[in-house]
Protein backbone atom coordinates (compact mmCIF):
# COMPACT_ATOMS: atom_id res chain seq x y z
CA MET A 1 45.17 280.07 162.91
CA LYS A 2 45.72 276.35 163.56
CA THR A 3 43.82 276.62 166.85
CA LYS A 4 40.74 278.02 165.07
CA LYS A 5 40.96 275.28 162.45
CA TYR A 6 41.17 272.54 165.11
CA LEU A 7 38.34 274.17 167.05
CA LEU A 8 36.14 274.22 163.94
CA ILE A 9 36.96 270.59 163.16
CA SER A 10 36.19 269.63 166.79
CA VAL A 11 32.81 271.40 166.66
CA ILE A 12 31.93 269.64 163.40
CA ILE A 13 32.87 266.25 164.87
CA VAL A 14 30.77 266.89 168.00
CA LEU A 15 27.78 267.92 165.86
CA LEU A 16 28.13 264.80 163.70
CA ILE A 17 28.31 262.56 166.78
CA ALA A 18 25.27 264.30 168.32
CA SER A 19 23.31 263.88 165.06
CA TYR A 20 24.22 260.19 164.88
CA ILE A 21 23.22 259.60 168.51
CA THR A 22 19.85 261.32 167.95
CA TYR A 23 19.26 259.29 164.77
CA TYR A 24 20.31 256.05 166.50
CA GLU A 25 18.11 256.69 169.56
CA HIS A 26 15.13 257.53 167.33
CA ASN A 27 15.55 254.29 165.35
CA MET A 28 16.08 252.17 168.47
CA ILE A 29 12.99 253.64 170.14
CA THR A 30 10.92 253.03 167.00
CA LYS A 31 12.17 249.43 166.65
CA LYS A 32 11.54 248.74 170.34
CA ILE A 33 8.03 250.18 170.13
CA GLU A 34 7.24 248.24 166.94
CA THR A 35 8.30 244.99 168.61
CA GLN A 36 6.40 245.70 171.83
CA VAL A 37 3.21 246.94 170.25
CA VAL A 38 2.74 244.81 167.14
CA ASN A 39 3.56 241.53 168.87
CA THR A 40 1.25 242.05 171.83
CA SER A 41 -2.23 240.66 172.02
CA ASN A 42 -3.03 242.76 175.10
CA ASN A 43 -5.26 245.59 173.90
CA TYR A 44 -5.09 247.55 177.19
CA PHE A 45 -3.19 250.51 175.73
CA ALA A 46 -5.42 251.05 172.72
CA GLN A 47 -8.72 250.54 174.48
CA ASN A 48 -8.07 252.45 177.72
CA THR A 49 -8.78 256.06 176.73
CA ASN A 50 -7.20 257.36 179.95
CA THR A 51 -3.75 255.95 179.08
CA GLN A 52 -1.12 258.72 179.13
CA ASP A 53 2.10 256.74 179.43
CA SER A 54 5.46 258.43 178.89
CA PHE A 55 7.70 256.47 176.51
CA PRO A 56 11.52 256.67 176.25
CA SER A 57 11.40 259.88 174.22
CA GLY A 58 9.92 261.62 177.27
CA GLU A 59 6.87 262.93 175.41
CA LYS A 60 3.28 262.01 176.10
CA ASP A 61 1.65 259.35 173.95
CA TYR A 62 -2.04 258.91 173.60
CA THR A 63 -4.88 256.85 172.22
CA LYS A 64 -7.32 258.02 169.56
CA ASP A 65 -9.56 256.35 167.02
CA PHE A 66 -7.54 257.32 163.93
CA ASN A 67 -9.44 255.15 161.44
CA PHE A 68 -12.91 255.74 162.92
CA ASP A 69 -13.75 252.07 163.44
CA GLY A 70 -14.88 252.58 167.03
CA MET A 71 -11.66 251.15 168.51
CA ASN A 72 -8.94 253.33 169.98
CA ASP A 73 -5.57 253.16 168.28
CA LEU A 74 -2.16 253.95 169.72
CA SER A 75 -0.02 256.96 168.82
CA ILE A 76 3.56 256.93 170.10
CA HIS A 77 5.80 259.97 170.11
CA THR A 78 9.04 259.06 168.29
CA SER A 79 10.94 262.35 167.92
CA ASN A 80 10.81 266.12 167.61
CA SER A 81 12.06 266.12 164.03
CA GLY A 82 8.78 267.18 162.42
CA GLY A 83 8.14 270.52 160.75
CA TYR A 84 9.41 273.46 162.84
CA GLY A 85 10.79 271.02 165.41
CA GLY A 86 7.35 269.55 166.03
CA PRO A 87 6.64 266.02 167.25
CA THR A 88 6.52 262.95 165.04
CA TYR A 89 4.42 259.91 165.84
CA ALA A 90 4.15 256.22 165.02
CA VAL A 91 0.47 255.31 164.72
CA TYR A 92 -0.66 251.75 165.31
CA LEU A 93 -4.21 250.85 164.32
CA TYR A 94 -5.91 248.25 166.47
CA ASP A 95 -6.99 245.16 164.54
CA SER A 96 -9.81 243.48 166.43
CA LYS A 97 -9.48 240.29 164.37
CA THR A 98 -5.91 239.64 165.50
CA SER A 99 -5.97 241.69 168.74
CA LYS A 100 -2.80 243.41 167.53
CA TYR A 101 -1.76 246.94 166.73
CA ILE A 102 -0.59 247.34 163.16
CA TYR A 103 1.73 250.18 162.19
CA ASN A 104 0.18 252.56 159.63
CA LYS A 105 2.90 254.47 157.78
CA GLU A 106 0.51 256.75 155.85
CA ILE A 107 -1.32 258.09 158.92
CA SER A 108 1.95 258.30 160.90
CA GLU A 109 3.58 260.46 158.25
CA LEU A 110 0.48 262.59 157.78
CA ILE A 111 0.02 263.60 161.41
CA SER A 112 3.76 264.09 161.87
CA MET A 113 4.03 266.84 159.25
CA GLN A 114 3.78 269.56 161.88
CA GLY A 115 2.08 267.81 164.74
CA MET A 116 -1.15 269.76 164.27
CA PHE A 117 -4.20 267.71 163.36
CA ASP A 118 -7.85 267.14 164.24
CA LEU A 119 -9.99 264.01 164.06
CA ASP A 120 -13.64 264.51 163.07
CA LYS A 121 -15.52 261.35 164.10
CA THR A 122 -18.78 262.51 162.50
CA LYS A 123 -17.29 263.13 159.03
CA LYS A 124 -14.57 260.47 159.50
CA ILE A 125 -11.95 263.00 158.42
CA ILE A 126 -8.37 263.71 159.55
CA THR A 127 -7.53 267.41 159.19
CA ILE A 128 -3.93 268.60 159.18
CA TYR A 129 -2.57 272.13 159.39
CA THR A 130 0.77 273.13 157.89
CA LYS A 131 2.57 276.40 157.26
CA ASP A 132 5.43 277.73 155.23
CA GLY A 133 6.89 280.62 157.17
CA CYS A 134 4.69 283.42 158.44
CA CYS A 135 2.63 284.02 155.37
CA SER A 136 1.38 280.73 153.94
CA HIS A 137 -0.98 278.36 155.77
CA THR A 138 -2.57 275.18 154.45
CA THR A 139 -5.43 273.03 155.73
CA GLU A 140 -5.95 269.56 154.26
CA GLU A 141 -8.65 266.99 154.95
CA TYR A 142 -8.24 263.25 154.43
CA GLN A 143 -10.87 260.56 154.39
CA VAL A 144 -9.86 257.21 155.90
CA ASN A 145 -10.83 254.38 153.56
CA SER A 146 -11.98 250.93 154.72
CA ASP A 147 -8.48 249.52 154.03
CA ASN A 148 -7.01 252.28 156.27
CA SER A 149 -5.50 254.13 153.30
CA LEU A 150 -6.03 257.88 153.00
CA LYS A 151 -7.76 259.95 150.33
CA LYS A 152 -7.35 263.71 150.20
CA VAL A 153 -10.79 265.37 149.86
CA TYR A 154 -10.15 269.04 150.65
CA THR A 155 -7.35 271.59 150.66
CA LYS A 156 -7.27 275.28 151.51
CA THR A 157 -4.22 277.54 151.18
CA GLU A 158 -4.01 281.10 152.50
CA ASN A 159 -1.12 283.29 151.34
CA VAL A 160 -0.46 286.92 152.21
CA ASP A 161 -0.89 289.04 149.06
CA PHE A 162 2.10 291.36 149.37
CA GLU A 163 1.12 293.28 146.21
CA LYS A 164 -2.06 294.55 147.88
CA GLN A 165 -0.53 294.97 151.33
CA SER A 166 -1.17 298.37 152.96
CA LYS A 167 -0.67 300.05 156.33
CA GLU A 168 -4.36 299.61 157.11
CA ASN A 169 -5.07 296.12 155.76
CA THR A 170 -3.54 292.71 155.16
CA TYR A 171 -4.86 290.82 152.15
CA PHE A 172 -4.91 287.04 151.86
CA LYS A 173 -5.27 285.04 148.65
CA ILE A 174 -7.31 281.93 149.41
CA THR A 175 -7.43 278.86 147.19
CA GLU A 176 -9.88 276.10 148.13
CA SER A 177 -10.21 272.74 146.38
CA LYS A 178 -12.86 270.13 147.16
CA LEU A 179 -13.12 266.61 145.79
CA ILE A 180 -16.72 266.22 144.61
CA ASN A 181 -17.74 263.06 142.73
CA ASP A 182 -14.03 262.28 142.19
CA LYS A 183 -13.44 265.69 140.53
CA TRP A 184 -11.54 268.58 142.09
CA ILE A 185 -13.49 271.85 142.20
CA THR A 186 -11.28 274.89 142.90
CA SER A 187 -12.23 278.41 143.91
CA ASN A 188 -10.17 281.53 144.59
CA THR A 189 -11.17 284.31 146.98
CA THR A 190 -9.60 287.16 148.93
CA ARG A 191 -9.86 287.86 152.63
CA VAL A 192 -9.03 291.22 154.23
CA GLU A 193 -7.90 291.76 157.82
CA LYS A 194 -7.60 295.19 159.39
CA ASN A 195 -4.14 295.79 160.81
CA ILE A 196 -3.89 296.71 164.47
CA ASN A 197 -1.65 299.70 165.03
């Protein structure tokens, strides 16, 4: 009995140490990156679209124009602690006036939700995709304002309608909301998919 108790305590201690090390490494990587990127006046990383450097986390980092100003910004992988174990990123927007990259918390948190996003240069929209289990999926669109803040302009949620579920068909309840003239317009529809047997 004592052996099991000591074993359980040992496992808990190991897990706590591992969690602390992961947290510490994540914070040290982020602090190191913030120092290196924000204090540099060399815009090579953000303006060279072929840059695919691997940072200490071991994941690929990349450049994209996140605020649609025509200048590539830097996105640095910081951890795999996003939704469903997905990647998280620190996004630094290039400021041509100071020749520095400036950390943008709002965009960093947005694209780190589940690591799934698109950038639409024509509409100047960031689209993110999230899910809650198997049966609820959400798409959200954000406009990037001139001060690099975000404004949500569209959301669409699809949920499986278990009440209508049948052997032949799967029914989805769809709720769409669009921001039009600063007012949200919402519509509800149903989509049917034939089940494959």
